[in-house]
Structures are given as structure tokens and as C-alpha cells.
Amino acid sequence: MGRIVTAHGGRWAVWTDQGLVAVGTTRRHVVATARAAGITDVTAADGSNAPSVPDWRYLPGGFRGSVLRACMRIPSGEVATYADLARAAGSPGASRAAGSAVAGNPMPVIIPCHRVVRSDGHLGAYSMGGAAVKARMLRAEGMSVRADRITG
């Protein structure tokens, strides 16, 4: 466990030799997330050596895992809707469930859930600081955001 640098600032992270397991703004949160994933031995390390990809062995499977994998495919500077993720995960009518899967993302920024918006263009929630942070992150990626809505 240590501090890593992401495109949107420094974060705490827990990782294995195969990838990241948890990313967040507090050490306590990432340790709790890693322990919930079954990693009990969390030690401090130099974050500059951390991998930059998820270790999918410790992430959810099934529908939730499919939604998170679909989220990983959203390019920087683009957005997808919760409905898009539900379709990509094989359950086109499960937009709300896709939203729940995104809300439980153990690695915000790495699995770019800030790039997921509602079908009406509204930003929706963001677990790492709310809609204002989500808007700032999308603007940094070149998106046009006005108030709490994608505008272009």
C-alpha cells in the first residue's frame, strides 16, 4: 500500500504483483476495501512501483465485474451512460443495477467511473467527491460540462 499518482492527482492504493486492488482518497478506505476483497496482509510500499491496471482476481465477477470491465473501455474524453454499461454487460434493462455496480467501484480513476453519466446527460453521483469533482475530471479530459450536465 502506498501513494500513487493518477491523471487526476495522488491517491492511496493497495496492489498485488499483478495489479491494483483498491484506490481511494484515504488510507483507511483502501485498506478496508482490500480486506473486503480477501487481502489481509497490507504493508506500506513505494507507490511509484505500483502497477497501473486492476488485478481482476480480487474484483467482483458476474454482472458487476462485466460493468466495471465495460467502464474500463470508456476512452478519456468520452462518456457512456449507465444504460450503455448495462448493454455491454449483457443486461440491457439493468441500468439501475449498472449504476449500483459503478457506485461500488473499488478503484475510482483507474476504472474511470467518472466517465459514466445518466441518459439525460446529467452527471449523476461520484463516490470520490460528488458531481463537482466529476465535472472537473471530465473537463480536464476535454469534455464540455456546464453545471451538472454534459453539454457537448
C-alpha atoms as a PDB file:
ATOM      1  CA  MET A   1       0.000   0.000   0.000  1.00  0.00           C
ATOM      2  CA  GLY A   2       1.170   3.478  -0.807  1.00  0.00           C
ATOM      3  CA  ARG A   3       0.504   6.697  -2.658  1.00  0.00           C
ATOM      4  CA  ILE A   4       0.179   6.584  -6.436  1.00  0.00           C
ATOM      5  CA  VAL A   5      -0.054   9.371  -8.976  1.00  0.00           C
ATOM      6  CA  THR A   6      -3.014   9.301 -11.369  1.00  0.00           C
ATOM      7  CA  ALA A   7      -4.097  11.646 -14.144  1.00  0.00           C
ATOM      8  CA  HIS A   8      -6.360  13.285 -11.565  1.00  0.00           C
ATOM      9  CA  GLY A   9      -3.972  13.557  -8.636  1.00  0.00           C
ATOM     10  CA  GLY A  10      -2.492  11.430  -5.902  1.00  0.00           C
ATOM     11  CA  ARG A  11      -4.451   8.574  -4.351  1.00  0.00           C
ATOM     12  CA  TRP A  12      -3.877   5.828  -1.820  1.00  0.00           C
ATOM     13  CA  ALA A  13      -3.708   2.357  -3.339  1.00  0.00           C
ATOM     14  CA  VAL A  14      -3.344  -1.306  -2.460  1.00  0.00           C
ATOM     15  CA  TRP A  15      -1.905  -3.626  -5.090  1.00  0.00           C
ATOM     16  CA  THR A  16      -0.544  -7.089  -5.708  1.00  0.00           C
ATOM     17  CA  ASP A  17       2.215  -8.099  -8.087  1.00  0.00           C
ATOM     18  CA  GLN A  18      -0.495  -8.449 -10.773  1.00  0.00           C
ATOM     19  CA  GLY A  19      -2.392  -5.190 -10.367  1.00  0.00           C
ATOM     20  CA  LEU A  20      -4.330  -2.731  -8.270  1.00  0.00           C
ATOM     21  CA  VAL A  21      -6.982  -3.910  -5.831  1.00  0.00           C
ATOM     22  CA  ALA A  22      -8.234  -0.674  -4.258  1.00  0.00           C
ATOM     23  CA  VAL A  23      -7.785   3.049  -4.859  1.00  0.00           C
ATOM     24  CA  GLY A  24      -9.144   5.904  -2.782  1.00  0.00           C
ATOM     25  CA  THR A  25      -8.532   9.188  -1.049  1.00  0.00           C
ATOM     26  CA  THR A  26      -7.827   7.731   2.404  1.00  0.00           C
ATOM     27  CA  ARG A  27      -5.546   5.003   3.620  1.00  0.00           C
ATOM     28  CA  ARG A  28      -8.282   3.614   5.872  1.00  0.00           C
ATOM     29  CA  HIS A  29     -10.709   3.253   2.951  1.00  0.00           C
ATOM     30  CA  VAL A  30      -8.299   1.400   0.653  1.00  0.00           C
ATOM     31  CA  VAL A  31      -7.184  -0.959   3.425  1.00  0.00           C
ATOM     32  CA  ALA A  32     -10.833  -1.754   4.261  1.00  0.00           C
ATOM     33  CA  THR A  33     -11.612  -2.331   0.575  1.00  0.00           C
ATOM     34  CA  ALA A  34      -8.598  -4.614   0.158  1.00  0.00           C
ATOM     35  CA  ARG A  35      -9.535  -6.606   3.264  1.00  0.00           C
ATOM     36  CA  ALA A  36     -13.110  -6.964   1.981  1.00  0.00           C
ATOM     37  CA  ALA A  37     -11.575  -8.406  -1.211  1.00  0.00           C
ATOM     38  CA  GLY A  38      -9.710 -11.001   0.856  1.00  0.00           C
ATOM     39  CA  ILE A  39      -6.271  -9.377   1.152  1.00  0.00           C
ATOM     40  CA  THR A  40      -5.280  -9.481   4.794  1.00  0.00           C
ATOM     41  CA  ASP A  41      -1.591  -8.600   4.595  1.00  0.00           C
ATOM     42  CA  VAL A  42      -1.376  -4.922   3.644  1.00  0.00           C
ATOM     43  CA  THR A  43       2.039  -3.348   4.083  1.00  0.00           C
ATOM     44  CA  ALA A  44       3.444   0.059   3.173  1.00  0.00           C
ATOM     45  CA  ALA A  45       5.399   0.309  -0.071  1.00  0.00           C
ATOM     46  CA  ASP A  46       6.712   2.801  -2.581  1.00  0.00           C
ATOM     47  CA  GLY A  47       3.745   3.680  -4.787  1.00  0.00           C
ATOM     48  CA  SER A  48       5.963   4.614  -7.714  1.00  0.00           C
ATOM     49  CA  ASN A  49       6.362   0.872  -8.340  1.00  0.00           C
ATOM     50  CA  ALA A  50       2.619   0.121  -8.254  1.00  0.00           C
ATOM     51  CA  PRO A  51       1.022  -1.397 -11.351  1.00  0.00           C
ATOM     52  CA  SER A  52      -1.427   0.784 -13.283  1.00  0.00           C
ATOM     53  CA  VAL A  53      -4.001  -1.893 -14.132  1.00  0.00           C
ATOM     54  CA  PRO A  54      -6.569  -3.720 -11.985  1.00  0.00           C
ATOM     55  CA  ASP A  55      -5.906  -7.157 -10.528  1.00  0.00           C
ATOM     56  CA  TRP A  56      -9.221  -8.637 -11.663  1.00  0.00           C
ATOM     57  CA  ARG A  57      -8.761 -11.672  -9.401  1.00  0.00           C
ATOM     58  CA  TYR A  58      -9.846  -9.525  -6.443  1.00  0.00           C
ATOM     59  CA  LEU A  59     -12.610  -7.583  -8.147  1.00  0.00           C
ATOM     60  CA  PRO A  60     -16.270  -8.530  -8.451  1.00  0.00           C
ATOM     61  CA  GLY A  61     -17.317 -11.093 -11.014  1.00  0.00           C
ATOM     62  CA  GLY A  62     -20.647 -11.612 -12.707  1.00  0.00           C
ATOM     63  CA  PHE A  63     -22.699  -8.608 -13.793  1.00  0.00           C
ATOM     64  CA  ARG A  64     -20.798  -6.175 -11.528  1.00  0.00           C
ATOM     65  CA  GLY A  65     -17.474  -7.279 -12.945  1.00  0.00           C
ATOM     66  CA  SER A  66     -18.784  -7.011 -16.507  1.00  0.00           C
ATOM     67  CA  VAL A  67     -19.957  -3.445 -15.828  1.00  0.00           C
ATOM     68  CA  LEU A  68     -16.571  -2.483 -14.364  1.00  0.00           C
ATOM     69  CA  ARG A  69     -14.752  -4.028 -17.332  1.00  0.00           C
ATOM     70  CA  ALA A  70     -17.018  -2.108 -19.726  1.00  0.00           C
ATOM     71  CA  CYS A  71     -16.266   1.045 -17.763  1.00  0.00           C
ATOM     72  CA  MET A  72     -12.530   0.426 -18.320  1.00  0.00           C
ATOM     73  CA  ARG A  73     -13.138   0.625 -22.072  1.00  0.00           C
ATOM     74  CA  ILE A  74     -14.520   4.200 -21.999  1.00  0.00           C
ATOM     75  CA  PRO A  75     -11.780   6.334 -23.561  1.00  0.00           C
ATOM     76  CA  SER A  76     -10.528   9.521 -21.963  1.00  0.00           C
ATOM     77  CA  GLY A  77     -12.543  12.470 -23.221  1.00  0.00           C
ATOM     78  CA  GLU A  78     -15.673  10.390 -23.792  1.00  0.00           C
ATOM     79  CA  VAL A  79     -18.629   9.318 -21.670  1.00  0.00           C
ATOM     80  CA  ALA A  80     -21.009   6.375 -21.599  1.00  0.00           C
ATOM     81  CA  THR A  81     -24.382   6.042 -19.923  1.00  0.00           C
ATOM     82  CA  TYR A  82     -25.436   3.572 -17.273  1.00  0.00           C
ATOM     83  CA  ALA A  83     -27.656   2.044 -19.994  1.00  0.00           C
ATOM     84  CA  ASP A  84     -24.609   1.647 -22.247  1.00  0.00           C
ATOM     85  CA  LEU A  85     -22.794  -0.245 -19.493  1.00  0.00           C
ATOM     86  CA  ALA A  86     -25.820  -2.442 -18.792  1.00  0.00           C
ATOM     87  CA  ARG A  87     -25.995  -3.366 -22.509  1.00  0.00           C
ATOM     88  CA  ALA A  88     -22.247  -4.041 -22.615  1.00  0.00           C
ATOM     89  CA  ALA A  89     -22.634  -6.316 -19.586  1.00  0.00           C
ATOM     90  CA  GLY A  90     -25.360  -8.304 -21.356  1.00  0.00           C
ATOM     91  CA  SER A  91     -28.377  -6.962 -19.452  1.00  0.00           C
ATOM     92  CA  PRO A  92     -29.851  -4.086 -21.474  1.00  0.00           C
ATOM     93  CA  GLY A  93     -32.666  -3.387 -18.997  1.00  0.00           C
ATOM     94  CA  ALA A  94     -30.405  -3.179 -15.956  1.00  0.00           C
ATOM     95  CA  SER A  95     -29.366   0.486 -15.951  1.00  0.00           C
ATOM     96  CA  ARG A  96     -30.019   0.874 -12.220  1.00  0.00           C
ATOM     97  CA  ALA A  97     -28.023  -2.244 -11.425  1.00  0.00           C
ATOM     98  CA  ALA A  98     -25.197  -0.887 -13.595  1.00  0.00           C
ATOM     99  CA  GLY A  99     -25.373   2.301 -11.525  1.00  0.00           C
ATOM    100  CA  SER A 100     -25.035   0.247  -8.342  1.00  0.00           C
ATOM    101  CA  ALA A 101     -22.048  -1.597  -9.793  1.00  0.00           C
ATOM    102  CA  VAL A 102     -20.383   1.703 -10.699  1.00  0.00           C
ATOM    103  CA  ALA A 103     -21.157   3.128  -7.243  1.00  0.00           C
ATOM    104  CA  GLY A 104     -19.299   0.159  -5.725  1.00  0.00           C
ATOM    105  CA  ASN A 105     -16.221   0.654  -7.911  1.00  0.00           C
ATOM    106  CA  PRO A 106     -13.204  -0.160  -5.700  1.00  0.00           C
ATOM    107  CA  MET A 107     -10.858   1.832  -7.959  1.00  0.00           C
ATOM    108  CA  PRO A 108     -12.286   5.190  -8.998  1.00  0.00           C
ATOM    109  CA  VAL A 109      -9.992   6.942 -11.506  1.00  0.00           C
ATOM    110  CA  ILE A 110      -8.317   3.643 -12.520  1.00  0.00           C
ATOM    111  CA  ILE A 111     -11.691   2.179 -13.504  1.00  0.00           C
ATOM    112  CA  PRO A 112     -12.951   5.518 -14.823  1.00  0.00           C
ATOM    113  CA  CYS A 113     -16.473   5.658 -13.404  1.00  0.00           C
ATOM    114  CA  HIS A 114     -16.327   9.463 -13.618  1.00  0.00           C
ATOM    115  CA  ARG A 115     -16.941   8.922 -17.361  1.00  0.00           C
ATOM    116  CA  VAL A 116     -20.391   7.406 -16.739  1.00  0.00           C
ATOM    117  CA  VAL A 117     -23.402   9.727 -16.925  1.00  0.00           C
ATOM    118  CA  ARG A 118     -27.173   9.453 -16.915  1.00  0.00           C
ATOM    119  CA  SER A 119     -29.020   9.023 -20.220  1.00  0.00           C
ATOM    120  CA  ASP A 120     -30.321  12.602 -19.985  1.00  0.00           C
ATOM    121  CA  GLY A 121     -26.753  13.984 -19.853  1.00  0.00           C
ATOM    122  CA  HIS A 122     -26.754  14.770 -16.141  1.00  0.00           C
ATOM    123  CA  LEU A 123     -23.551  13.758 -14.423  1.00  0.00           C
ATOM    124  CA  GLY A 124     -25.043  11.783 -11.570  1.00  0.00           C
ATOM    125  CA  ALA A 125     -23.125  10.981  -8.402  1.00  0.00           C
ATOM    126  CA  TYR A 126     -19.415  10.349  -7.924  1.00  0.00           C
ATOM    127  CA  SER A 127     -18.056   8.481  -4.911  1.00  0.00           C
ATOM    128  CA  MET A 128     -14.788  10.431  -4.769  1.00  0.00           C
ATOM    129  CA  GLY A 129     -16.155  13.905  -4.176  1.00  0.00           C
ATOM    130  CA  GLY A 130     -19.536  14.338  -5.820  1.00  0.00           C
ATOM    131  CA  ALA A 131     -20.701  15.865  -9.085  1.00  0.00           C
ATOM    132  CA  ALA A 132     -18.398  18.911  -8.833  1.00  0.00           C
ATOM    133  CA  VAL A 133     -15.312  16.681  -8.756  1.00  0.00           C
ATOM    134  CA  LYS A 134     -16.721  14.531 -11.561  1.00  0.00           C
ATOM    135  CA  ALA A 135     -17.304  17.679 -13.659  1.00  0.00           C
ATOM    136  CA  ARG A 136     -13.741  18.883 -13.015  1.00  0.00           C
ATOM    137  CA  MET A 137     -12.318  15.499 -14.039  1.00  0.00           C
ATOM    138  CA  LEU A 138     -14.370  15.421 -17.247  1.00  0.00           C
ATOM    139  CA  ARG A 139     -13.338  18.985 -18.116  1.00  0.00           C
ATOM    140  CA  ALA A 140      -9.690  18.006 -17.588  1.00  0.00           C
ATOM    141  CA  GLU A 141     -10.264  15.289 -20.210  1.00  0.00           C
ATOM    142  CA  GLY A 142     -11.648  17.838 -22.682  1.00  0.00           C
ATOM    143  CA  MET A 143     -15.374  17.330 -22.103  1.00  0.00           C
ATOM    144  CA  SER A 144     -17.795  20.241 -22.179  1.00  0.00           C
ATOM    145  CA  VAL A 145     -19.634  20.347 -18.856  1.00  0.00           C
ATOM    146  CA  ARG A 146     -21.956  23.088 -17.672  1.00  0.00           C
ATOM    147  CA  ALA A 147     -23.285  22.895 -14.110  1.00  0.00           C
ATOM    148  CA  ASP A 148     -24.092  19.199 -13.630  1.00  0.00           C
ATOM    149  CA  ARG A 149     -24.627  18.232 -17.254  1.00  0.00           C
ATOM    150  CA  ILE A 150     -22.591  17.203 -20.314  1.00  0.00           C
ATOM    151  CA  THR A 151     -23.151  19.853 -22.959  1.00  0.00           C
ATOM    152  CA  GLY A 152     -21.277  18.578 -25.947  1.00  0.00           C
END
